[in-house]
Amino acid sequence: MTSATSEGLIDDGLVVGSDGLARPAWAATDALLREYYDTEWGVPVRGESGIYERICLEGFQAGLSWATILRKRAAFREAFHDFDPDVVAAFGDADVDRLMTDARIVRNRAKIAATVTNARATVALRAVGGLDALVWSFQPEVTPAPRTLAELPTTSTESVALSKELRSHGFRFVGPTTMFALMEAIGLVDTHLVGSHRRACSGLWHPDGSRR
């Protein structure tokens, strides 16, 4: 169904902007979210630090909006030394206490402590191939091809398995839903709606959901 709005045309959850490009409603109005959607979300992320950062930020997002995390991302990067696992792995209780007083980030003790724990787990994974190789080993053979918001999944067989594997290595705040969000964000799956101008932007997938 299509209906007219002040933002453009909404068709199955997509909004056509003034630039003529179709985006999901969540990325159509807020300038920061729009920029993120157009330039980052779903673009492949490789490398230990980049994946570690996104695991941590997805964990901080639990129970909050992604816009909140995105607006605080620069502060998170400063607080956690650009998410350098070696530096964060050396954090102790005093560092956690210090970060609990930093109003620029999300002051949740369990999530801050998990960021430190996950740094230590990331460092330990180097002995068995590393975080990058582990996470990308869960890329499925086929990605969803949702045409409407109602067709968007929130978990998958792979996200459940990735969650279990990361937990076995000591990671925290890595539940199946959080890991599916990670997989979407780093291009491991493509859940851009079929009609979006960003569908297949990662270069890893055909628009129909098959792998390139």
C-alpha atoms as a PDB file:
ATOM      1  CA  MET A   1       0.000   0.000   0.000  1.00  0.00           C
ATOM      2  CA  THR A   2       1.235   3.461  -0.848  1.00  0.00           C
ATOM      3  CA  SER A   3       0.231   6.679   0.892  1.00  0.00           C
ATOM      4  CA  ALA A   4       1.355  10.290   0.738  1.00  0.00           C
ATOM      5  CA  THR A   5       3.201  11.922   3.637  1.00  0.00           C
ATOM      6  CA  SER A   6       5.158  15.120   4.211  1.00  0.00           C
ATOM      7  CA  GLU A   7       8.348  13.147   3.673  1.00  0.00           C
ATOM      8  CA  GLY A   8       7.367  11.577   0.374  1.00  0.00           C
ATOM      9  CA  LEU A   9       5.766   8.300  -0.571  1.00  0.00           C
ATOM     10  CA  ILE A  10       5.673   5.395   1.828  1.00  0.00           C
ATOM     11  CA  ASP A  11       5.503   2.054   0.086  1.00  0.00           C
ATOM     12  CA  ASP A  12       5.753  -1.076   2.220  1.00  0.00           C
ATOM     13  CA  GLY A  13       7.807   0.790   4.824  1.00  0.00           C
ATOM     14  CA  LEU A  14       9.941   2.748   2.376  1.00  0.00           C
ATOM     15  CA  VAL A  15      10.000   6.528   2.172  1.00  0.00           C
ATOM     16  CA  VAL A  16      10.981   8.272  -1.039  1.00  0.00           C
ATOM     17  CA  GLY A  17      13.009  11.331  -0.074  1.00  0.00           C
ATOM     18  CA  SER A  18      13.337  14.666  -1.824  1.00  0.00           C
ATOM     19  CA  ASP A  19      16.396  13.203  -3.576  1.00  0.00           C
ATOM     20  CA  GLY A  20      14.186  10.534  -5.139  1.00  0.00           C
ATOM     21  CA  LEU A  21      15.835   7.701  -3.200  1.00  0.00           C
ATOM     22  CA  ALA A  22      13.874   5.122  -1.209  1.00  0.00           C
ATOM     23  CA  ARG A  23      14.851   4.413   2.382  1.00  0.00           C
ATOM     24  CA  PRO A  24      13.132   2.743   5.344  1.00  0.00           C
ATOM     25  CA  ALA A  25      11.190   5.133   7.559  1.00  0.00           C
ATOM     26  CA  TRP A  26      13.764   4.904  10.372  1.00  0.00           C
ATOM     27  CA  ALA A  27      16.430   6.361   8.082  1.00  0.00           C
ATOM     28  CA  ALA A  28      14.290   8.909   6.267  1.00  0.00           C
ATOM     29  CA  THR A  29      13.924  11.836   8.660  1.00  0.00           C
ATOM     30  CA  ASP A  30      16.820  12.039  11.125  1.00  0.00           C
ATOM     31  CA  ALA A  31      19.893  13.424   9.334  1.00  0.00           C
ATOM     32  CA  LEU A  32      22.354  11.358  11.376  1.00  0.00           C
ATOM     33  CA  LEU A  33      20.483   8.102  10.800  1.00  0.00           C
ATOM     34  CA  ARG A  34      20.094   8.912   7.118  1.00  0.00           C
ATOM     35  CA  GLU A  35      23.832   9.469   6.728  1.00  0.00           C
ATOM     36  CA  TYR A  36      24.551   6.252   8.622  1.00  0.00           C
ATOM     37  CA  TYR A  37      22.118   4.307   6.448  1.00  0.00           C
ATOM     38  CA  ASP A  38      23.455   5.766   3.211  1.00  0.00           C
ATOM     39  CA  THR A  39      27.140   5.283   3.973  1.00  0.00           C
ATOM     40  CA  GLU A  40      27.698   2.636   6.656  1.00  0.00           C
ATOM     41  CA  TRP A  41      24.861   0.274   7.497  1.00  0.00           C
ATOM     42  CA  GLY A  42      25.345  -2.986   5.655  1.00  0.00           C
ATOM     43  CA  VAL A  43      28.787  -2.107   4.311  1.00  0.00           C
ATOM     44  CA  PRO A  44      31.263  -4.934   5.032  1.00  0.00           C
ATOM     45  CA  VAL A  45      33.425  -4.409   8.103  1.00  0.00           C
ATOM     46  CA  ARG A  46      36.591  -6.464   8.383  1.00  0.00           C
ATOM     47  CA  GLY A  47      39.357  -6.404  10.945  1.00  0.00           C
ATOM     48  CA  GLU A  48      39.520  -7.155  14.635  1.00  0.00           C
ATOM     49  CA  SER A  49      39.082  -3.641  16.019  1.00  0.00           C
ATOM     50  CA  GLY A  50      36.167  -2.727  13.755  1.00  0.00           C
ATOM     51  CA  ILE A  51      34.212  -5.862  14.586  1.00  0.00           C
ATOM     52  CA  TYR A  52      35.021  -5.617  18.296  1.00  0.00           C
ATOM     53  CA  GLU A  53      33.735  -2.032  18.305  1.00  0.00           C
ATOM     54  CA  ARG A  54      30.480  -2.973  16.650  1.00  0.00           C
ATOM     55  CA  ILE A  55      29.896  -5.921  18.960  1.00  0.00           C
ATOM     56  CA  CYS A  56      30.311  -3.561  21.909  1.00  0.00           C
ATOM     57  CA  LEU A  57      28.098  -0.829  20.450  1.00  0.00           C
ATOM     58  CA  GLU A  58      25.364  -3.329  19.618  1.00  0.00           C
ATOM     59  CA  GLY A  59      25.568  -4.487  23.229  1.00  0.00           C
ATOM     60  CA  PHE A  60      25.268  -0.928  24.517  1.00  0.00           C
ATOM     61  CA  GLN A  61      22.260  -0.431  22.235  1.00  0.00           C
ATOM     62  CA  ALA A  62      20.224  -3.169  23.932  1.00  0.00           C
ATOM     63  CA  GLY A  63      17.115  -1.518  25.353  1.00  0.00           C
ATOM     64  CA  LEU A  64      17.949   1.816  23.704  1.00  0.00           C
ATOM     65  CA  SER A  65      17.572   3.339  20.259  1.00  0.00           C
ATOM     66  CA  TRP A  66      20.384   3.085  17.745  1.00  0.00           C
ATOM     67  CA  ALA A  67      20.179   6.854  17.303  1.00  0.00           C
ATOM     68  CA  THR A  68      21.208   7.250  20.951  1.00  0.00           C
ATOM     69  CA  ILE A  69      24.307   5.099  20.429  1.00  0.00           C
ATOM     70  CA  LEU A  70      25.183   6.768  17.146  1.00  0.00           C
ATOM     71  CA  ARG A  71      25.103  10.218  18.738  1.00  0.00           C
ATOM     72  CA  LYS A  72      27.436   8.996  21.463  1.00  0.00           C
ATOM     73  CA  ARG A  73      29.779   7.046  19.187  1.00  0.00           C
ATOM     74  CA  ALA A  74      32.579   9.628  19.216  1.00  0.00           C
ATOM     75  CA  ALA A  75      32.485   9.649  23.021  1.00  0.00           C
ATOM     76  CA  PHE A  76      32.498   5.842  23.126  1.00  0.00           C
ATOM     77  CA  ARG A  77      35.539   5.790  20.877  1.00  0.00           C
ATOM     78  CA  GLU A  78      37.355   8.243  23.107  1.00  0.00           C
ATOM     79  CA  ALA A  79      36.394   6.425  26.295  1.00  0.00           C
ATOM     80  CA  PHE A  80      37.504   3.054  24.938  1.00  0.00           C
ATOM     81  CA  HIS A  81      40.626   4.241  23.096  1.00  0.00           C
ATOM     82  CA  ASP A  82      39.179   3.710  19.613  1.00  0.00           C
ATOM     83  CA  PHE A  83      38.163   0.238  20.735  1.00  0.00           C
ATOM     84  CA  ASP A  84      41.725  -1.036  20.788  1.00  0.00           C
ATOM     85  CA  PRO A  85      41.273  -4.495  22.350  1.00  0.00           C
ATOM     86  CA  ASP A  86      44.754  -4.538  23.876  1.00  0.00           C
ATOM     87  CA  VAL A  87      44.182  -1.252  25.695  1.00  0.00           C
ATOM     88  CA  VAL A  88      40.658  -2.044  26.874  1.00  0.00           C
ATOM     89  CA  ALA A  89      41.660  -5.551  27.967  1.00  0.00           C
ATOM     90  CA  ALA A  90      43.967  -3.910  30.523  1.00  0.00           C
ATOM     91  CA  PHE A  91      41.136  -1.910  32.121  1.00  0.00           C
ATOM     92  CA  GLY A  92      40.461  -2.666  35.765  1.00  0.00           C
ATOM     93  CA  ASP A  93      37.748  -1.887  38.297  1.00  0.00           C
ATOM     94  CA  ALA A  94      38.978   1.688  38.660  1.00  0.00           C
ATOM     95  CA  ASP A  95      38.518   2.240  34.938  1.00  0.00           C
ATOM     96  CA  VAL A  96      34.984   0.889  35.092  1.00  0.00           C
ATOM     97  CA  ASP A  97      34.253   3.201  38.022  1.00  0.00           C
ATOM     98  CA  ARG A  98      35.712   6.122  36.075  1.00  0.00           C
ATOM     99  CA  LEU A  99      33.596   5.372  33.014  1.00  0.00           C
ATOM    100  CA  MET A 100      30.500   5.205  35.192  1.00  0.00           C
ATOM    101  CA  THR A 101      30.964   8.922  35.813  1.00  0.00           C
ATOM    102  CA  ASP A 102      31.266   9.790  32.096  1.00  0.00           C
ATOM    103  CA  ALA A 103      27.891  11.245  31.144  1.00  0.00           C
ATOM    104  CA  ARG A 104      28.811  11.252  27.463  1.00  0.00           C
ATOM    105  CA  ILE A 105      28.425   7.465  27.163  1.00  0.00           C
ATOM    106  CA  VAL A 106      25.822   4.975  28.363  1.00  0.00           C
ATOM    107  CA  ARG A 107      26.553   4.544  32.054  1.00  0.00           C
ATOM    108  CA  ASN A 108      25.541   0.931  32.520  1.00  0.00           C
ATOM    109  CA  ARG A 109      28.030  -0.958  34.661  1.00  0.00           C
ATOM    110  CA  ALA A 110      27.220  -4.366  33.214  1.00  0.00           C
ATOM    111  CA  LYS A 111      27.668  -3.123  29.636  1.00  0.00           C
ATOM    112  CA  ILE A 112      30.903  -1.289  30.452  1.00  0.00           C
ATOM    113  CA  ALA A 113      32.276  -4.364  32.203  1.00  0.00           C
ATOM    114  CA  ALA A 114      31.229  -6.501  29.227  1.00  0.00           C
ATOM    115  CA  THR A 115      33.217  -4.226  26.924  1.00  0.00           C
ATOM    116  CA  VAL A 116      36.320  -4.993  28.989  1.00  0.00           C
ATOM    117  CA  THR A 117      35.501  -8.701  29.112  1.00  0.00           C
ATOM    118  CA  ASN A 118      34.941  -8.763  25.361  1.00  0.00           C
ATOM    119  CA  ALA A 119      38.286  -7.065  24.777  1.00  0.00           C
ATOM    120  CA  ARG A 120      40.019  -9.818  26.728  1.00  0.00           C
ATOM    121  CA  ALA A 121      38.080 -12.459  24.796  1.00  0.00           C
ATOM    122  CA  THR A 122      39.045 -10.771  21.522  1.00  0.00           C
ATOM    123  CA  VAL A 123      42.723 -10.859  22.438  1.00  0.00           C
ATOM    124  CA  ALA A 124      42.450 -14.525  23.433  1.00  0.00           C
ATOM    125  CA  LEU A 125      40.813 -15.396  20.101  1.00  0.00           C
ATOM    126  CA  ARG A 126      43.989 -14.473  18.242  1.00  0.00           C
ATOM    127  CA  ALA A 127      45.372 -17.865  19.229  1.00  0.00           C
ATOM    128  CA  VAL A 128      42.642 -19.617  17.222  1.00  0.00           C
ATOM    129  CA  GLY A 129      42.296 -17.443  14.147  1.00  0.00           C
ATOM    130  CA  GLY A 130      40.913 -14.198  15.495  1.00  0.00           C
ATOM    131  CA  LEU A 131      37.599 -12.416  15.876  1.00  0.00           C
ATOM    132  CA  ASP A 132      37.309 -11.385  12.226  1.00  0.00           C
ATOM    133  CA  ALA A 133      37.610 -14.945  10.920  1.00  0.00           C
ATOM    134  CA  LEU A 134      35.243 -16.299  13.558  1.00  0.00           C
ATOM    135  CA  VAL A 135      32.461 -13.798  12.904  1.00  0.00           C
ATOM    136  CA  TRP A 136      32.693 -13.961   9.113  1.00  0.00           C
ATOM    137  CA  SER A 137      32.615 -17.761   9.183  1.00  0.00           C
ATOM    138  CA  PHE A 138      28.910 -17.381   9.998  1.00  0.00           C
ATOM    139  CA  GLN A 139      28.014 -15.683   6.713  1.00  0.00           C
ATOM    140  CA  PRO A 140      25.010 -17.601   5.329  1.00  0.00           C
ATOM    141  CA  GLU A 141      24.652 -18.870   1.800  1.00  0.00           C
ATOM    142  CA  VAL A 142      21.484 -16.821   1.284  1.00  0.00           C
ATOM    143  CA  THR A 143      20.459 -13.485   2.797  1.00  0.00           C
ATOM    144  CA  PRO A 144      16.866 -12.372   3.423  1.00  0.00           C
ATOM    145  CA  ALA A 145      15.114 -10.431   0.686  1.00  0.00           C
ATOM    146  CA  PRO A 146      12.405  -8.576   2.629  1.00  0.00           C
ATOM    147  CA  ARG A 147       9.933  -6.505   0.654  1.00  0.00           C
ATOM    148  CA  THR A 148       8.116  -5.092   3.686  1.00  0.00           C
ATOM    149  CA  LEU A 149       9.017  -4.253   7.280  1.00  0.00           C
ATOM    150  CA  ALA A 150       6.842  -7.159   8.391  1.00  0.00           C
ATOM    151  CA  GLU A 151       9.169  -9.544   6.553  1.00  0.00           C
ATOM    152  CA  LEU A 152      12.279  -8.364   8.389  1.00  0.00           C
ATOM    153  CA  PRO A 153      13.736 -11.113  10.607  1.00  0.00           C
ATOM    154  CA  THR A 154      15.284 -10.369  13.988  1.00  0.00           C
ATOM    155  CA  THR A 155      17.302 -13.571  14.355  1.00  0.00           C
ATOM    156  CA  SER A 156      18.574 -16.364  12.152  1.00  0.00           C
ATOM    157  CA  THR A 157      20.075 -19.813  12.482  1.00  0.00           C
ATOM    158  CA  GLU A 158      23.473 -18.207  11.968  1.00  0.00           C
ATOM    159  CA  SER A 159      22.967 -15.477  14.571  1.00  0.00           C
ATOM    160  CA  VAL A 160      21.956 -18.100  17.132  1.00  0.00           C
ATOM    161  CA  ALA A 161      25.066 -20.133  16.310  1.00  0.00           C
ATOM    162  CA  LEU A 162      27.324 -17.059  16.352  1.00  0.00           C
ATOM    163  CA  SER A 163      25.927 -16.037  19.733  1.00  0.00           C
ATOM    164  CA  LYS A 164      26.613 -19.494  21.135  1.00  0.00           C
ATOM    165  CA  GLU A 165      30.146 -19.550  19.729  1.00  0.00           C
ATOM    166  CA  LEU A 166      31.052 -16.112  21.064  1.00  0.00           C
ATOM    167  CA  ARG A 167      29.657 -16.965  24.477  1.00  0.00           C
ATOM    168  CA  SER A 168      31.794 -20.103  24.528  1.00  0.00           C
ATOM    169  CA  HIS A 169      34.810 -17.812  24.144  1.00  0.00           C
ATOM    170  CA  GLY A 170      33.737 -15.592  27.032  1.00  0.00           C
ATOM    171  CA  PHE A 171      31.884 -12.783  25.228  1.00  0.00           C
ATOM    172  CA  ARG A 172      28.939 -11.093  26.919  1.00  0.00           C
ATOM    173  CA  PHE A 173      25.920  -9.128  25.637  1.00  0.00           C
ATOM    174  CA  VAL A 174      26.012 -11.187  22.439  1.00  0.00           C
ATOM    175  CA  GLY A 175      22.522 -12.685  22.325  1.00  0.00           C
ATOM    176  CA  PRO A 176      21.047 -13.964  19.026  1.00  0.00           C
ATOM    177  CA  THR A 177      19.053 -10.774  18.358  1.00  0.00           C
ATOM    178  CA  THR A 178      22.054  -8.566  19.106  1.00  0.00           C
ATOM    179  CA  MET A 179      24.225 -10.711  16.863  1.00  0.00           C
ATOM    180  CA  PHE A 180      21.702 -10.531  14.038  1.00  0.00           C
ATOM    181  CA  ALA A 181      21.810  -6.743  14.330  1.00  0.00           C
ATOM    182  CA  LEU A 182      25.601  -6.990  14.132  1.00  0.00           C
ATOM    183  CA  MET A 183      25.373  -9.178  11.046  1.00  0.00           C
ATOM    184  CA  GLU A 184      23.098  -6.620   9.385  1.00  0.00           C
ATOM    185  CA  ALA A 185      25.344  -3.701  10.307  1.00  0.00           C
ATOM    186  CA  ILE A 186      28.588  -5.235   9.015  1.00  0.00           C
ATOM    187  CA  GLY A 187      27.198  -6.698   5.789  1.00  0.00           C
ATOM    188  CA  LEU A 188      27.225 -10.334   6.863  1.00  0.00           C
ATOM    189  CA  VAL A 189      23.588 -10.371   5.806  1.00  0.00           C
ATOM    190  CA  ASP A 190      21.653  -7.852   3.692  1.00  0.00           C
ATOM    191  CA  THR A 191      18.283  -6.877   5.140  1.00  0.00           C
ATOM    192  CA  HIS A 192      17.826  -3.690   3.149  1.00  0.00           C
ATOM    193  CA  LEU A 193      14.291  -3.801   1.817  1.00  0.00           C
ATOM    194  CA  VAL A 194      14.249  -4.926  -1.799  1.00  0.00           C
ATOM    195  CA  GLY A 195      13.006  -1.518  -2.945  1.00  0.00           C
ATOM    196  CA  SER A 196      15.662   0.460  -1.053  1.00  0.00           C
ATOM    197  CA  HIS A 197      18.362   2.269  -2.975  1.00  0.00           C
ATOM    198  CA  ARG A 198      20.894   0.542  -0.714  1.00  0.00           C
ATOM    199  CA  ARG A 199      19.847  -3.037  -1.516  1.00  0.00           C
ATOM    200  CA  ALA A 200      22.960  -5.105  -2.413  1.00  0.00           C
ATOM    201  CA  CYS A 201      25.232  -2.171  -1.523  1.00  0.00           C
ATOM    202  CA  SER A 202      27.741  -4.469   0.191  1.00  0.00           C
ATOM    203  CA  GLY A 203      28.815  -6.077  -3.056  1.00  0.00           C
ATOM    204  CA  LEU A 204      28.493  -9.482  -1.390  1.00  0.00           C
ATOM    205  CA  TRP A 205      24.905 -10.218  -2.354  1.00  0.00           C
ATOM    206  CA  HIS A 206      22.676 -10.097  -5.395  1.00  0.00           C
ATOM    207  CA  PRO A 207      19.374  -8.225  -4.914  1.00  0.00           C
ATOM    208  CA  ASP A 208      17.522 -11.552  -4.793  1.00  0.00           C
ATOM    209  CA  GLY A 209      19.537 -12.604  -1.733  1.00  0.00           C
ATOM    210  CA  SER A 210      21.964 -15.034  -3.366  1.00  0.00           C
ATOM    211  CA  ARG A 211      25.696 -14.690  -2.765  1.00  0.00           C
ATOM    212  CA  ARG A 212      27.935 -13.126  -5.364  1.00  0.00           C
END
